[in-house]
Amino acid sequence: MFCRKCGAQIPDGCSFCNKCGTPADGSGMPAAADRMYSDRHYGIFSPAGWFDFSGRMRRLEWWGRSILMYVLIICVMAAAFMAIGAGSRPSTGSSAAAPAGNDLTAGAVIGIIVIVLAAIAFIVSSISLDVRRLHDMELSGWWVLLLRIGSVIPYVGFIVAIGGLIWLGFVPGTRGSNRFGQG
């Protein structure tokens, strides 16, 4: 069992959290705080829940993590593109063997690697958030495939993407416990 206030694991048989002292039954938590976060209670800024595919995630936490993820990816991509721009230098010599154009320096190569790694992390993390949000609605995480594939279909993708955003962001989860965790 996990503490509803700080998220620390409470050993079986303990009545209180060893870290913060909150009662294990959650009676010390306000009712609103109990409904705001997922069953794991990582918190929005905790990196622990970014790549976790099990458990549930409430709407507020999904919105917070999604917005934070988009802001972070924009910042990382902007920094990487600046490194690429600063790292590319025009060729100065007129050698017959070297083609005319830009040569990439180490900074540009590192920028490209950062962009690829950030894109992979962004894709995996966004799928993880969506899977846990679907688990809160007591649906299989495989529905994410339908959303991802449907959103790249020409002329239909925009409608599927907006529908998925409404579905994940505004439809309430199941009350109480379900097969994916506590509610």
Protein backbone atom coordinates (compact mmCIF):
# COMPACT_ATOMS: atom_id res chain seq x y z
CA MET A 1 0.00 0.00 0.00
CA PHE A 2 1.16 3.55 -0.73
CA CYS A 3 0.67 6.62 1.45
CA ARG A 4 -2.06 8.86 0.03
CA LYS A 5 -0.19 12.00 1.12
CA CYS A 6 3.50 11.48 0.27
CA GLY A 7 3.44 8.35 -1.92
CA ALA A 8 5.86 6.35 0.25
CA GLN A 9 5.27 2.62 0.51
CA ILE A 10 3.62 1.59 3.78
CA PRO A 11 4.62 -1.88 5.00
CA ASP A 12 1.80 -4.36 5.57
CA GLY A 13 0.33 -4.17 9.06
CA CYS A 14 1.39 -0.55 9.71
CA SER A 15 -1.31 1.92 10.68
CA PHE A 16 0.65 5.05 9.76
CA CYS A 17 3.10 6.12 7.07
CA ASN A 18 6.69 5.93 8.36
CA LYS A 19 7.66 9.00 6.32
CA CYS A 20 4.91 11.56 7.01
CA GLY A 21 2.71 10.00 9.70
CA THR A 22 -0.53 10.00 7.71
CA PRO A 23 -2.99 7.25 8.70
CA ALA A 24 -2.73 4.27 6.34
CA ASP A 25 -6.49 4.24 5.73
CA GLY A 26 -6.30 7.76 4.27
CA SER A 27 -8.58 9.29 6.89
CA GLY A 28 -6.20 12.22 7.34
CA MET A 29 -6.46 13.28 3.68
CA PRO A 30 -8.90 15.86 2.39
CA ALA A 31 -11.51 14.38 0.07
CA ALA A 32 -10.49 16.61 -2.87
CA ALA A 33 -6.82 15.58 -2.68
CA ASP A 34 -7.85 11.92 -2.78
CA ARG A 35 -9.57 12.42 -6.17
CA MET A 36 -6.95 14.66 -7.81
CA TYR A 37 -4.07 12.28 -8.28
CA SER A 38 -3.50 8.73 -9.46
CA ASP A 39 -3.28 5.69 -7.24
CA ARG A 40 0.52 6.04 -7.12
CA HIS A 41 0.49 9.75 -6.16
CA TYR A 42 3.76 10.57 -7.91
CA GLY A 43 2.82 14.20 -8.30
CA ILE A 44 3.00 16.11 -11.54
CA PHE A 45 6.69 17.04 -11.36
CA SER A 46 8.00 13.66 -10.21
CA PRO A 47 9.92 11.83 -12.96
CA ALA A 48 8.92 8.49 -11.44
CA GLY A 49 5.61 8.28 -13.27
CA TRP A 50 6.64 9.44 -16.74
CA PHE A 51 7.34 5.95 -18.09
CA ASP A 52 5.02 3.83 -15.94
CA PHE A 53 2.35 1.92 -17.87
CA SER A 54 0.51 0.37 -14.92
CA GLY A 55 -2.04 1.89 -12.59
CA ARG A 56 -4.46 4.76 -13.03
CA MET A 57 -4.22 8.50 -13.63
CA ARG A 58 -6.89 11.09 -12.87
CA ARG A 59 -7.83 13.89 -15.27
CA LEU A 60 -6.08 16.70 -13.39
CA GLU A 61 -2.81 14.80 -13.20
CA TRP A 62 -3.08 13.85 -16.90
CA TRP A 63 -3.60 17.49 -17.90
CA GLY A 64 -0.76 18.70 -15.69
CA ARG A 65 1.72 16.09 -16.90
CA SER A 66 0.69 16.52 -20.54
CA ILE A 67 1.10 20.29 -20.48
CA LEU A 68 4.41 20.01 -18.62
CA MET A 69 5.63 17.39 -21.10
CA TYR A 70 4.83 19.63 -24.08
CA VAL A 71 6.60 22.60 -22.48
CA LEU A 72 9.66 20.47 -21.73
CA ILE A 73 9.83 19.01 -25.23
CA ILE A 74 9.56 22.48 -26.78
CA CYS A 75 12.41 23.75 -24.60
CA VAL A 76 14.63 20.74 -25.31
CA MET A 77 13.94 20.91 -29.05
CA ALA A 78 14.63 24.66 -29.15
CA ALA A 79 17.95 24.20 -27.35
CA ALA A 80 18.91 21.33 -29.66
CA PHE A 81 18.02 23.32 -32.78
CA MET A 82 20.10 26.23 -31.49
CA ALA A 83 23.02 23.83 -30.98
CA ILE A 84 22.60 22.59 -34.54
CA GLY A 85 22.45 26.15 -35.88
CA ALA A 86 25.49 27.20 -33.88
CA GLY A 87 27.29 23.97 -34.70
CA SER A 88 26.97 24.15 -38.45
CA ARG A 89 29.64 26.23 -40.10
CA PRO A 90 29.99 27.18 -43.71
CA SER A 91 32.82 25.50 -45.54
CA THR A 92 35.71 27.86 -46.16
CA GLY A 93 37.98 25.93 -48.47
CA SER A 94 37.34 25.29 -52.11
CA SER A 95 38.56 21.74 -52.26
CA ALA A 96 37.50 19.63 -55.20
CA ALA A 97 36.87 16.62 -52.94
CA ALA A 98 34.62 18.43 -50.46
CA PRO A 99 31.14 19.46 -51.62
CA ALA A 100 30.08 23.03 -51.17
CA GLY A 101 27.68 23.63 -48.27
CA ASN A 102 27.68 23.25 -44.52
CA ASP A 103 29.82 20.93 -42.46
CA LEU A 104 28.41 19.61 -39.20
CA THR A 105 30.49 20.06 -36.08
CA ALA A 106 30.31 18.09 -32.86
CA GLY A 107 27.75 20.52 -31.44
CA ALA A 108 25.42 19.95 -34.36
CA VAL A 109 25.77 16.17 -34.12
CA ILE A 110 25.04 16.31 -30.38
CA GLY A 111 22.01 18.50 -31.11
CA ILE A 112 20.68 15.95 -33.60
CA ILE A 113 21.21 13.11 -31.10
CA VAL A 114 19.39 15.11 -28.40
CA ILE A 115 16.46 15.71 -30.75
CA VAL A 116 16.16 11.99 -31.57
CA LEU A 117 16.39 10.93 -27.90
CA ALA A 118 13.93 13.63 -26.79
CA ALA A 119 11.46 12.56 -29.48
CA ILE A 120 11.67 8.91 -28.37
CA ALA A 121 11.22 9.90 -24.70
CA PHE A 122 8.30 12.16 -25.62
CA ILE A 123 6.52 9.41 -27.59
CA VAL A 124 6.98 6.74 -24.90
CA SER A 125 5.99 9.12 -22.10
CA SER A 126 2.87 10.38 -23.89
CA ILE A 127 1.76 6.80 -24.58
CA SER A 128 2.36 5.97 -20.91
CA LEU A 129 0.21 8.91 -19.76
CA ASP A 130 -2.59 7.96 -22.15
CA VAL A 131 -2.51 4.28 -21.12
CA ARG A 132 -2.79 5.16 -17.43
CA ARG A 133 -5.62 7.61 -18.19
CA LEU A 134 -7.48 4.87 -20.06
CA HIS A 135 -6.92 2.55 -17.10
CA ASP A 136 -8.72 5.10 -14.93
CA MET A 137 -11.74 4.70 -17.21
CA GLU A 138 -11.37 0.90 -16.85
CA LEU A 139 -10.33 0.49 -20.49
CA SER A 140 -7.40 -1.40 -21.93
CA GLY A 141 -4.32 0.59 -22.80
CA TRP A 142 -4.45 -0.87 -26.31
CA TRP A 143 -7.04 1.80 -27.17
CA VAL A 144 -4.05 4.15 -27.45
CA LEU A 145 -3.14 2.34 -30.67
CA LEU A 146 -6.48 3.32 -32.16
CA LEU A 147 -5.91 6.94 -31.19
CA ARG A 148 -2.33 7.04 -32.50
CA ILE A 149 -3.06 5.29 -35.80
CA GLY A 150 -6.29 7.22 -36.33
CA SER A 151 -4.61 10.56 -35.74
CA VAL A 152 -2.20 10.12 -38.68
CA ILE A 153 -4.87 9.25 -41.26
CA PRO A 154 -5.19 12.13 -43.73
CA TYR A 155 -8.35 14.28 -43.42
CA VAL A 156 -9.61 12.20 -40.47
CA GLY A 157 -6.62 12.51 -38.16
CA PHE A 158 -7.53 15.95 -36.85
CA ILE A 159 -11.00 14.77 -35.82
CA VAL A 160 -9.58 11.65 -34.17
CA ALA A 161 -6.94 13.70 -32.33
CA ILE A 162 -9.51 16.21 -31.03
CA GLY A 163 -11.87 13.37 -30.06
CA GLY A 164 -9.04 11.63 -28.22
CA LEU A 165 -8.18 14.82 -26.38
CA ILE A 166 -11.80 15.24 -25.29
CA TRP A 167 -12.07 11.56 -24.36
CA LEU A 168 -8.88 11.46 -22.28
CA GLY A 169 -9.10 14.96 -20.84
CA PHE A 170 -12.75 15.36 -19.95
CA VAL A 171 -14.40 11.95 -19.46
CA PRO A 172 -14.33 11.04 -15.75
CA GLY A 173 -12.78 7.79 -14.61
CA THR A 174 -14.55 5.02 -12.76
CA ARG A 175 -15.30 5.64 -9.11
CA GLY A 176 -13.74 3.34 -6.59
CA SER A 177 -11.40 0.50 -7.44
CA ASN A 178 -11.27 -1.21 -10.79
CA ARG A 179 -9.11 -3.94 -12.31
CA PHE A 180 -6.22 -1.48 -12.80
CA GLY A 181 -5.99 -0.16 -9.23
CA GLN A 182 -7.58 1.79 -6.44
CA GLY A 183 -9.71 4.82 -7.18
